[in-house]
PDB file of all heavy atoms in Angstrom:
ATOM      1  N   ASP A   1     -17.408  21.849  -2.685  1.00  0.00           N
ATOM      2  CA  ASP A   1     -18.313  20.808  -3.158  1.00  0.00           C
ATOM      3  C   ASP A   1     -18.255  19.655  -2.159  1.00  0.00           C
ATOM      4  O   ASP A   1     -17.378  19.615  -1.288  1.00  0.00           O
ATOM      5  CB  ASP A   1     -17.910  20.316  -4.549  1.00  0.00           C
ATOM      6  CG  ASP A   1     -19.051  19.575  -5.243  1.00  0.00           C
ATOM      7  OD1 ASP A   1     -20.139  19.461  -4.633  1.00  0.00           O
ATOM      8  OD2 ASP A   1     -18.852  19.102  -6.372  1.00  0.00           O
ATOM      9  N   ALA A   2     -19.185  18.730  -2.299  1.00  0.00           N
ATOM     10  CA  ALA A   2     -19.143  17.542  -1.446  1.00  0.00           C
ATOM     11  C   ALA A   2     -17.879  16.747  -1.762  1.00  0.00           C
ATOM     12  O   ALA A   2     -17.419  16.730  -2.905  1.00  0.00           O
ATOM     13  CB  ALA A   2     -20.381  16.689  -1.681  1.00  0.00           C
ATOM     14  N   PRO A   3     -17.277  16.097  -0.779  1.00  0.00           N
ATOM     15  CA  PRO A   3     -16.047  15.347  -1.030  1.00  0.00           C
ATOM     16  C   PRO A   3     -16.274  14.208  -2.026  1.00  0.00           C
ATOM     17  O   PRO A   3     -17.358  13.618  -2.065  1.00  0.00           O
ATOM     18  CB  PRO A   3     -15.662  14.799   0.344  1.00  0.00           C
ATOM     19  CG  PRO A   3     -16.672  15.283   1.312  1.00  0.00           C
ATOM     20  CD  PRO A   3     -17.728  16.024   0.600  1.00  0.00           C
ATOM     21  N   PRO A   4     -15.256  13.898  -2.834  1.00  0.00           N
ATOM     22  CA  PRO A   4     -15.366  12.748  -3.749  1.00  0.00           C
ATOM     23  C   PRO A   4     -15.479  11.452  -2.962  1.00  0.00           C
ATOM     24  O   PRO A   4     -15.195  11.402  -1.763  1.00  0.00           O
ATOM     25  CB  PRO A   4     -14.049  12.803  -4.542  1.00  0.00           C
ATOM     26  CG  PRO A   4     -13.478  14.156  -4.287  1.00  0.00           C
ATOM     27  CD  PRO A   4     -13.976  14.590  -2.954  1.00  0.00           C
ATOM     28  N   SER A   5     -15.846  10.390  -3.630  1.00  0.00           N
ATOM     29  CA  SER A   5     -15.929   9.082  -2.981  1.00  0.00           C
ATOM     30  C   SER A   5     -14.529   8.528  -2.741  1.00  0.00           C
ATOM     31  O   SER A   5     -13.638   8.649  -3.592  1.00  0.00           O
ATOM     32  CB  SER A   5     -16.721   8.108  -3.857  1.00  0.00           C
ATOM     33  OG  SER A   5     -16.635   6.792  -3.335  1.00  0.00           O
ATOM     34  N   ILE A   6     -14.355   7.919  -1.587  1.00  0.00           N
ATOM     35  CA  ILE A   6     -13.078   7.286  -1.263  1.00  0.00           C
ATOM     36  C   ILE A   6     -13.075   5.818  -1.677  1.00  0.00           C
ATOM     37  O   ILE A   6     -12.051   5.116  -1.555  1.00  0.00           O
ATOM     38  CB  ILE A   6     -12.781   7.425   0.248  1.00  0.00           C
ATOM     39  CG1 ILE A   6     -11.302   7.178   0.535  1.00  0.00           C
ATOM     40  CG2 ILE A   6     -13.678   6.491   1.056  1.00  0.00           C
ATOM     41  CD1 ILE A   6     -10.915   7.384   1.983  1.00  0.00           C
ATOM     42  N   ALA A   7     -14.188   5.348  -2.198  1.00  0.00           N
ATOM     43  CA  ALA A   7     -14.334   3.930  -2.557  1.00  0.00           C
ATOM     44  C   ALA A   7     -13.243   3.405  -3.491  1.00  0.00           C
ATOM     45  O   ALA A   7     -12.798   2.257  -3.338  1.00  0.00           O
ATOM     46  CB  ALA A   7     -15.713   3.688  -3.172  1.00  0.00           C
ATOM     47  N   PRO A   8     -12.762   4.202  -4.492  1.00  0.00           N
ATOM     48  CA  PRO A   8     -11.743   3.665  -5.407  1.00  0.00           C
ATOM     49  C   PRO A   8     -10.435   3.263  -4.737  1.00  0.00           C
ATOM     50  O   PRO A   8      -9.685   2.455  -5.299  1.00  0.00           O
ATOM     51  CB  PRO A   8     -11.519   4.816  -6.399  1.00  0.00           C
ATOM     52  CG  PRO A   8     -12.810   5.572  -6.384  1.00  0.00           C
ATOM     53  CD  PRO A   8     -13.268   5.514  -4.955  1.00  0.00           C
ATOM     54  N   THR A   9     -10.143   3.798  -3.555  1.00  0.00           N
ATOM     55  CA  THR A   9      -8.888   3.449  -2.876  1.00  0.00           C
ATOM     56  C   THR A   9      -9.103   2.765  -1.535  1.00  0.00           C
ATOM     57  O   THR A   9      -8.188   2.123  -1.016  1.00  0.00           O
ATOM     58  CB  THR A   9      -8.027   4.708  -2.622  1.00  0.00           C
ATOM     59  OG1 THR A   9      -8.753   5.633  -1.797  1.00  0.00           O
ATOM     60  CG2 THR A   9      -7.652   5.381  -3.936  1.00  0.00           C
ATOM     61  N   PHE A  10     -10.290   2.867  -0.964  1.00  0.00           N
ATOM     62  CA  PHE A  10     -10.543   2.319   0.367  1.00  0.00           C
ATOM     63  C   PHE A  10     -10.473   0.794   0.359  1.00  0.00           C
ATOM     64  O   PHE A  10     -11.167   0.130  -0.424  1.00  0.00           O
ATOM     65  CB  PHE A  10     -11.907   2.781   0.873  1.00  0.00           C
ATOM     66  CG  PHE A  10     -12.242   2.275   2.260  1.00  0.00           C
ATOM     67  CD1 PHE A  10     -11.510   2.689   3.360  1.00  0.00           C
ATOM     68  CD2 PHE A  10     -13.275   1.370   2.452  1.00  0.00           C
ATOM     69  CE1 PHE A  10     -11.808   2.234   4.628  1.00  0.00           C
ATOM     70  CE2 PHE A  10     -13.582   0.903   3.725  1.00  0.00           C
ATOM     71  CZ  PHE A  10     -12.845   1.337   4.816  1.00  0.00           C
ATOM     72  N   MET A  11      -9.605   0.232   1.188  1.00  0.00           N
ATOM     73  CA  MET A  11      -9.427  -1.218   1.340  1.00  0.00           C
ATOM     74  C   MET A  11      -9.023  -1.892   0.030  1.00  0.00           C
ATOM     75  O   MET A  11      -9.314  -3.057  -0.201  1.00  0.00           O
ATOM     76  CB  MET A  11     -10.705  -1.866   1.882  1.00  0.00           C
ATOM     77  CG  MET A  11     -11.086  -1.424   3.283  1.00  0.00           C
ATOM     78  SD  MET A  11      -9.888  -1.917   4.541  1.00  0.00           S
ATOM     79  CE  MET A  11     -10.095  -3.696   4.520  1.00  0.00           C
ATOM     80  N   GLN A  12      -8.307  -1.166  -0.807  1.00  0.00           N
ATOM     81  CA  GLN A  12      -7.872  -1.714  -2.090  1.00  0.00           C
ATOM     82  C   GLN A  12      -6.440  -2.244  -2.051  1.00  0.00           C
ATOM     83  O   GLN A  12      -5.898  -2.657  -3.073  1.00  0.00           O
ATOM     84  CB  GLN A  12      -7.980  -0.646  -3.183  1.00  0.00           C
ATOM     85  CG  GLN A  12      -9.399  -0.187  -3.456  1.00  0.00           C
ATOM     86  CD  GLN A  12     -10.300  -1.331  -3.889  1.00  0.00           C
ATOM     87  OE1 GLN A  12      -9.976  -2.069  -4.823  1.00  0.00           O
ATOM     88  NE2 GLN A  12     -11.433  -1.485  -3.216  1.00  0.00           N
ATOM     89  N   LEU A  13      -5.812  -2.225  -0.892  1.00  0.00           N
ATOM     90  CA  LEU A  13      -4.427  -2.688  -0.781  1.00  0.00           C
ATOM     91  C   LEU A  13      -4.325  -4.191  -1.040  1.00  0.00           C
ATOM     92  O   LEU A  13      -5.240  -4.955  -0.728  1.00  0.00           O
ATOM     93  CB  LEU A  13      -3.868  -2.350   0.591  1.00  0.00           C
ATOM     94  CG  LEU A  13      -4.409  -3.060   1.834  1.00  0.00           C
ATOM     95  CD1 LEU A  13      -3.505  -2.799   3.025  1.00  0.00           C
ATOM     96  CD2 LEU A  13      -5.826  -2.601   2.164  1.00  0.00           C
ATOM     97  N   ASP A  14      -3.182  -4.588  -1.607  1.00  0.00           N
ATOM     98  CA  ASP A  14      -2.928  -5.997  -1.922  1.00  0.00           C
ATOM     99  C   ASP A  14      -1.788  -6.488  -1.025  1.00  0.00           C
ATOM    100  O   ASP A  14      -0.608  -6.385  -1.385  1.00  0.00           O
ATOM    101  CB  ASP A  14      -2.561  -6.137  -3.394  1.00  0.00           C
ATOM    102  CG  ASP A  14      -2.348  -7.585  -3.815  1.00  0.00           C
ATOM    103  OD1 ASP A  14      -2.443  -8.487  -2.947  1.00  0.00           O
ATOM    104  OD2 ASP A  14      -2.061  -7.818  -5.008  1.00  0.00           O
ATOM    105  N   ILE A  15      -2.135  -7.013   0.141  1.00  0.00           N
ATOM    106  CA  ILE A  15      -1.129  -7.446   1.111  1.00  0.00           C
ATOM    107  C   ILE A  15      -0.408  -8.695   0.625  1.00  0.00           C
ATOM    108  O   ILE A  15       0.816  -8.819   0.756  1.00  0.00           O
ATOM    109  CB  ILE A  15      -1.772  -7.698   2.485  1.00  0.00           C
ATOM    110  CG1 ILE A  15      -2.413  -6.402   3.011  1.00  0.00           C
ATOM    111  CG2 ILE A  15      -0.738  -8.211   3.485  1.00  0.00           C
ATOM    112  CD1 ILE A  15      -3.176  -6.579   4.302  1.00  0.00           C
ATOM    113  N   LEU A  16      -1.130  -9.631   0.027  1.00  0.00           N
ATOM    114  CA  LEU A  16      -0.506 -10.863  -0.468  1.00  0.00           C
ATOM    115  C   LEU A  16       0.524 -10.555  -1.554  1.00  0.00           C
ATOM    116  O   LEU A  16       1.605 -11.156  -1.596  1.00  0.00           O
ATOM    117  CB  LEU A  16      -1.572 -11.819  -0.996  1.00  0.00           C
ATOM    118  CG  LEU A  16      -2.523 -12.427   0.052  1.00  0.00           C
ATOM    119  CD1 LEU A  16      -3.554 -13.330  -0.625  1.00  0.00           C
ATOM    120  CD2 LEU A  16      -1.731 -13.210   1.099  1.00  0.00           C
ATOM    121  N   GLY A  17       0.190  -9.631  -2.436  1.00  0.00           N
ATOM    122  CA  GLY A  17       1.138  -9.238  -3.475  1.00  0.00           C
ATOM    123  C   GLY A  17       2.391  -8.609  -2.891  1.00  0.00           C
ATOM    124  O   GLY A  17       3.495  -8.776  -3.408  1.00  0.00           O
ATOM    125  N   ALA A  18       2.218  -7.876  -1.786  1.00  0.00           N
ATOM    126  CA  ALA A  18       3.355  -7.210  -1.146  1.00  0.00           C
ATOM    127  C   ALA A  18       4.240  -8.184  -0.380  1.00  0.00           C
ATOM    128  O   ALA A  18       5.375  -7.849  -0.033  1.00  0.00           O
ATOM    129  CB  ALA A  18       2.858  -6.115  -0.210  1.00  0.00           C
ATOM    130  N   LEU A  19       3.731  -9.370  -0.089  1.00  0.00           N
ATOM    131  CA  LEU A  19       4.514 -10.356   0.652  1.00  0.00           C
ATOM    132  C   LEU A  19       5.459 -11.147  -0.241  1.00  0.00           C
ATOM    133  O   LEU A  19       6.253 -11.945   0.251  1.00  0.00           O
ATOM    134  CB  LEU A  19       3.579 -11.330   1.383  1.00  0.00           C
ATOM    135  CG  LEU A  19       2.812 -10.742   2.577  1.00  0.00           C
ATOM    136  CD1 LEU A  19       1.795 -11.744   3.097  1.00  0.00           C
ATOM    137  CD2 LEU A  19       3.777 -10.313   3.675  1.00  0.00           C
ATOM    138  N   LYS A  20       5.391 -10.931  -1.535  1.00  0.00           N
ATOM    139  CA  LYS A  20       6.280 -11.637  -2.448  1.00  0.00           C
ATOM    140  C   LYS A  20       7.718 -11.155  -2.253  1.00  0.00           C
ATOM    141  O   LYS A  20       7.963  -9.997  -1.904  1.00  0.00           O
ATOM    142  CB  LYS A  20       5.839 -11.410  -3.893  1.00  0.00           C
ATOM    143  CG  LYS A  20       4.476 -12.022  -4.211  1.00  0.00           C
ATOM    144  CD  LYS A  20       4.074 -11.764  -5.645  1.00  0.00           C
ATOM    145  CE  LYS A  20       2.710 -12.371  -5.958  1.00  0.00           C
ATOM    146  NZ  LYS A  20       2.283 -12.110  -7.348  1.00  0.00           N
ATOM    147  N   GLY A  21       8.660 -12.016  -2.503  1.00  0.00           N
ATOM    148  CA  GLY A  21      10.066 -11.723  -2.235  1.00  0.00           C
ATOM    149  C   GLY A  21      10.603 -10.513  -2.970  1.00  0.00           C
ATOM    150  O   GLY A  21      11.456  -9.796  -2.462  1.00  0.00           O
ATOM    151  N   GLY A  22      10.098 -10.252  -4.178  1.00  0.00           N
ATOM    152  CA  GLY A  22      10.627  -9.164  -4.975  1.00  0.00           C
ATOM    153  C   GLY A  22      10.403  -7.785  -4.390  1.00  0.00           C
ATOM    154  O   GLY A  22      11.067  -6.830  -4.780  1.00  0.00           O
ATOM    155  N   ILE A  23       9.466  -7.672  -3.482  1.00  0.00           N
ATOM    156  CA  ILE A  23       9.154  -6.352  -2.929  1.00  0.00           C
ATOM    157  C   ILE A  23       9.666  -6.220  -1.491  1.00  0.00           C
ATOM    158  O   ILE A  23       9.368  -5.246  -0.795  1.00  0.00           O
ATOM    159  CB  ILE A  23       7.632  -6.089  -2.998  1.00  0.00           C
ATOM    160  CG1 ILE A  23       7.327  -4.580  -2.968  1.00  0.00           C
ATOM    161  CG2 ILE A  23       6.890  -6.814  -1.879  1.00  0.00           C
ATOM    162  CD1 ILE A  23       5.884  -4.239  -3.265  1.00  0.00           C
ATOM    163  N   LEU A  24      10.476  -7.162  -1.059  1.00  0.00           N
ATOM    164  CA  LEU A  24      11.017  -7.126   0.297  1.00  0.00           C
ATOM    165  C   LEU A  24      11.788  -5.848   0.562  1.00  0.00           C
ATOM    166  O   LEU A  24      11.659  -5.233   1.623  1.00  0.00           O
ATOM    167  CB  LEU A  24      11.919  -8.342   0.531  1.00  0.00           C
ATOM    168  CG  LEU A  24      12.670  -8.384   1.873  1.00  0.00           C
ATOM    169  CD1 LEU A  24      11.686  -8.444   3.035  1.00  0.00           C
ATOM    170  CD2 LEU A  24      13.620  -9.575   1.912  1.00  0.00           C
ATOM    171  N   ASN A  25      12.612  -5.437  -0.409  1.00  0.00           N
ATOM    172  CA  ASN A  25      13.411  -4.225  -0.192  1.00  0.00           C
ATOM    173  C   ASN A  25      12.534  -2.985  -0.117  1.00  0.00           C
ATOM    174  O   ASN A  25      12.883  -2.004   0.549  1.00  0.00           O
ATOM    175  CB  ASN A  25      14.459  -4.068  -1.289  1.00  0.00           C
ATOM    176  CG  ASN A  25      13.849  -3.843  -2.659  1.00  0.00           C
ATOM    177  OD1 ASN A  25      12.947  -4.576  -3.053  1.00  0.00           O
ATOM    178  ND2 ASN A  25      14.331  -2.859  -3.382  1.00  0.00           N
ATOM    179  N   VAL A  26      11.390  -3.005  -0.789  1.00  0.00           N
ATOM    180  CA  VAL A  26      10.462  -1.876  -0.719  1.00  0.00           C
ATOM    181  C   VAL A  26       9.927  -1.725   0.703  1.00  0.00           C
ATOM    182  O   VAL A  26       9.904  -0.626   1.268  1.00  0.00           O
ATOM    183  CB  VAL A  26       9.299  -2.062  -1.712  1.00  0.00           C
ATOM    184  CG1 VAL A  26       8.244  -0.985  -1.510  1.00  0.00           C
ATOM    185  CG2 VAL A  26       9.817  -2.056  -3.134  1.00  0.00           C
ATOM    186  N   VAL A  27       9.505  -2.844   1.285  1.00  0.00           N
ATOM    187  CA  VAL A  27       9.026  -2.824   2.666  1.00  0.00           C
ATOM    188  C   VAL A  27      10.133  -2.335   3.599  1.00  0.00           C
ATOM    189  O   VAL A  27       9.885  -1.543   4.510  1.00  0.00           O
ATOM    190  CB  VAL A  27       8.546  -4.224   3.098  1.00  0.00           C
ATOM    191  CG1 VAL A  27       8.167  -4.232   4.575  1.00  0.00           C
ATOM    192  CG2 VAL A  27       7.359  -4.673   2.249  1.00  0.00           C
ATOM    193  N   LEU A  28      11.369  -2.794   3.364  1.00  0.00           N
ATOM    194  CA  LEU A  28      12.493  -2.385   4.205  1.00  0.00           C
ATOM    195  C   LEU A  28      12.740  -0.892   4.119  1.00  0.00           C
ATOM    196  O   LEU A  28      12.984  -0.226   5.130  1.00  0.00           O
ATOM    197  CB  LEU A  28      13.755  -3.153   3.788  1.00  0.00           C
ATOM    198  CG  LEU A  28      15.021  -2.892   4.618  1.00  0.00           C
ATOM    199  CD1 LEU A  28      14.795  -3.285   6.072  1.00  0.00           C
ATOM    200  CD2 LEU A  28      16.213  -3.653   4.035  1.00  0.00           C
ATOM    201  N   VAL A  29      12.664  -0.346   2.909  1.00  0.00           N
ATOM    202  CA  VAL A  29      12.860   1.104   2.745  1.00  0.00           C
ATOM    203  C   VAL A  29      11.770   1.880   3.478  1.00  0.00           C
ATOM    204  O   VAL A  29      12.051   2.825   4.225  1.00  0.00           O
ATOM    205  CB  VAL A  29      12.875   1.488   1.249  1.00  0.00           C
ATOM    206  CG1 VAL A  29      12.807   3.001   1.084  1.00  0.00           C
ATOM    207  CG2 VAL A  29      14.128   0.949   0.579  1.00  0.00           C
ATOM    208  N   PHE A  30      10.519   1.498   3.253  1.00  0.00           N
ATOM    209  CA  PHE A  30       9.423   2.166   3.956  1.00  0.00           C
ATOM    210  C   PHE A  30       9.656   2.122   5.467  1.00  0.00           C
ATOM    211  O   PHE A  30       9.533   3.136   6.159  1.00  0.00           O
ATOM    212  CB  PHE A  30       8.087   1.481   3.625  1.00  0.00           C
ATOM    213  CG  PHE A  30       7.477   1.896   2.325  1.00  0.00           C
ATOM    214  CD1 PHE A  30       6.942   0.944   1.455  1.00  0.00           C
ATOM    215  CD2 PHE A  30       7.403   3.222   1.957  1.00  0.00           C
ATOM    216  CE1 PHE A  30       6.369   1.318   0.251  1.00  0.00           C
ATOM    217  CE2 PHE A  30       6.830   3.608   0.757  1.00  0.00           C
ATOM    218  CZ  PHE A  30       6.316   2.650  -0.100  1.00  0.00           C
ATOM    219  N   PHE A  31       9.998   0.955   5.973  1.00  0.00           N
ATOM    220  CA  PHE A  31      10.165   0.771   7.414  1.00  0.00           C
ATOM    221  C   PHE A  31      11.302   1.628   7.971  1.00  0.00           C
ATOM    222  O   PHE A  31      11.143   2.329   8.978  1.00  0.00           O
ATOM    223  CB  PHE A  31      10.422  -0.705   7.722  1.00  0.00           C
ATOM    224  CG  PHE A  31      10.822  -0.975   9.143  1.00  0.00           C
ATOM    225  CD1 PHE A  31       9.907  -0.868  10.177  1.00  0.00           C
ATOM    226  CD2 PHE A  31      12.132  -1.313   9.450  1.00  0.00           C
ATOM    227  CE1 PHE A  31      10.283  -1.098  11.489  1.00  0.00           C
ATOM    228  CE2 PHE A  31      12.519  -1.559  10.756  1.00  0.00           C
ATOM    229  CZ  PHE A  31      11.597  -1.455  11.777  1.00  0.00           C
ATOM    230  N   LEU A  32      12.471   1.578   7.329  1.00  0.00           N
ATOM    231  CA  LEU A  32      13.630   2.319   7.836  1.00  0.00           C
ATOM    232  C   LEU A  32      13.383   3.817   7.812  1.00  0.00           C
ATOM    233  O   LEU A  32      13.669   4.525   8.783  1.00  0.00           O
ATOM    234  CB  LEU A  32      14.872   1.971   7.011  1.00  0.00           C
ATOM    235  CG  LEU A  32      15.451   0.571   7.203  1.00  0.00           C
ATOM    236  CD1 LEU A  32      16.618   0.343   6.258  1.00  0.00           C
ATOM    237  CD2 LEU A  32      15.884   0.357   8.645  1.00  0.00           C
ATOM    238  N   VAL A  33      12.846   4.308   6.694  1.00  0.00           N
ATOM    239  CA  VAL A  33      12.618   5.749   6.579  1.00  0.00           C
ATOM    240  C   VAL A  33      11.548   6.205   7.575  1.00  0.00           C
ATOM    241  O   VAL A  33      11.691   7.242   8.231  1.00  0.00           O
ATOM    242  CB  VAL A  33      12.220   6.130   5.139  1.00  0.00           C
ATOM    243  CG1 VAL A  33      11.878   7.617   5.062  1.00  0.00           C
ATOM    244  CG2 VAL A  33      13.362   5.813   4.182  1.00  0.00           C
ATOM    245  N   GLU A  34      10.475   5.421   7.702  1.00  0.00           N
ATOM    246  CA  GLU A  34       9.433   5.756   8.681  1.00  0.00           C
ATOM    247  C   GLU A  34      10.009   5.796  10.092  1.00  0.00           C
ATOM    248  O   GLU A  34       9.681   6.686  10.891  1.00  0.00           O
ATOM    249  CB  GLU A  34       8.310   4.723   8.608  1.00  0.00           C
ATOM    250  CG  GLU A  34       7.445   4.804   7.357  1.00  0.00           C
ATOM    251  CD  GLU A  34       6.701   3.498   7.076  1.00  0.00           C
ATOM    252  OE1 GLU A  34       6.854   2.533   7.865  1.00  0.00           O
ATOM    253  OE2 GLU A  34       5.979   3.449   6.077  1.00  0.00           O
TER     254      GLU A  34
END
């Protein structure tokens, strides 16, 4: 079939929310493992 729309996830990231202190360790884990 034709591919579904990517609109529900495209450019939906929340960078400001991720910059909050509580998620610092999450960024660190992603970075180290990557």
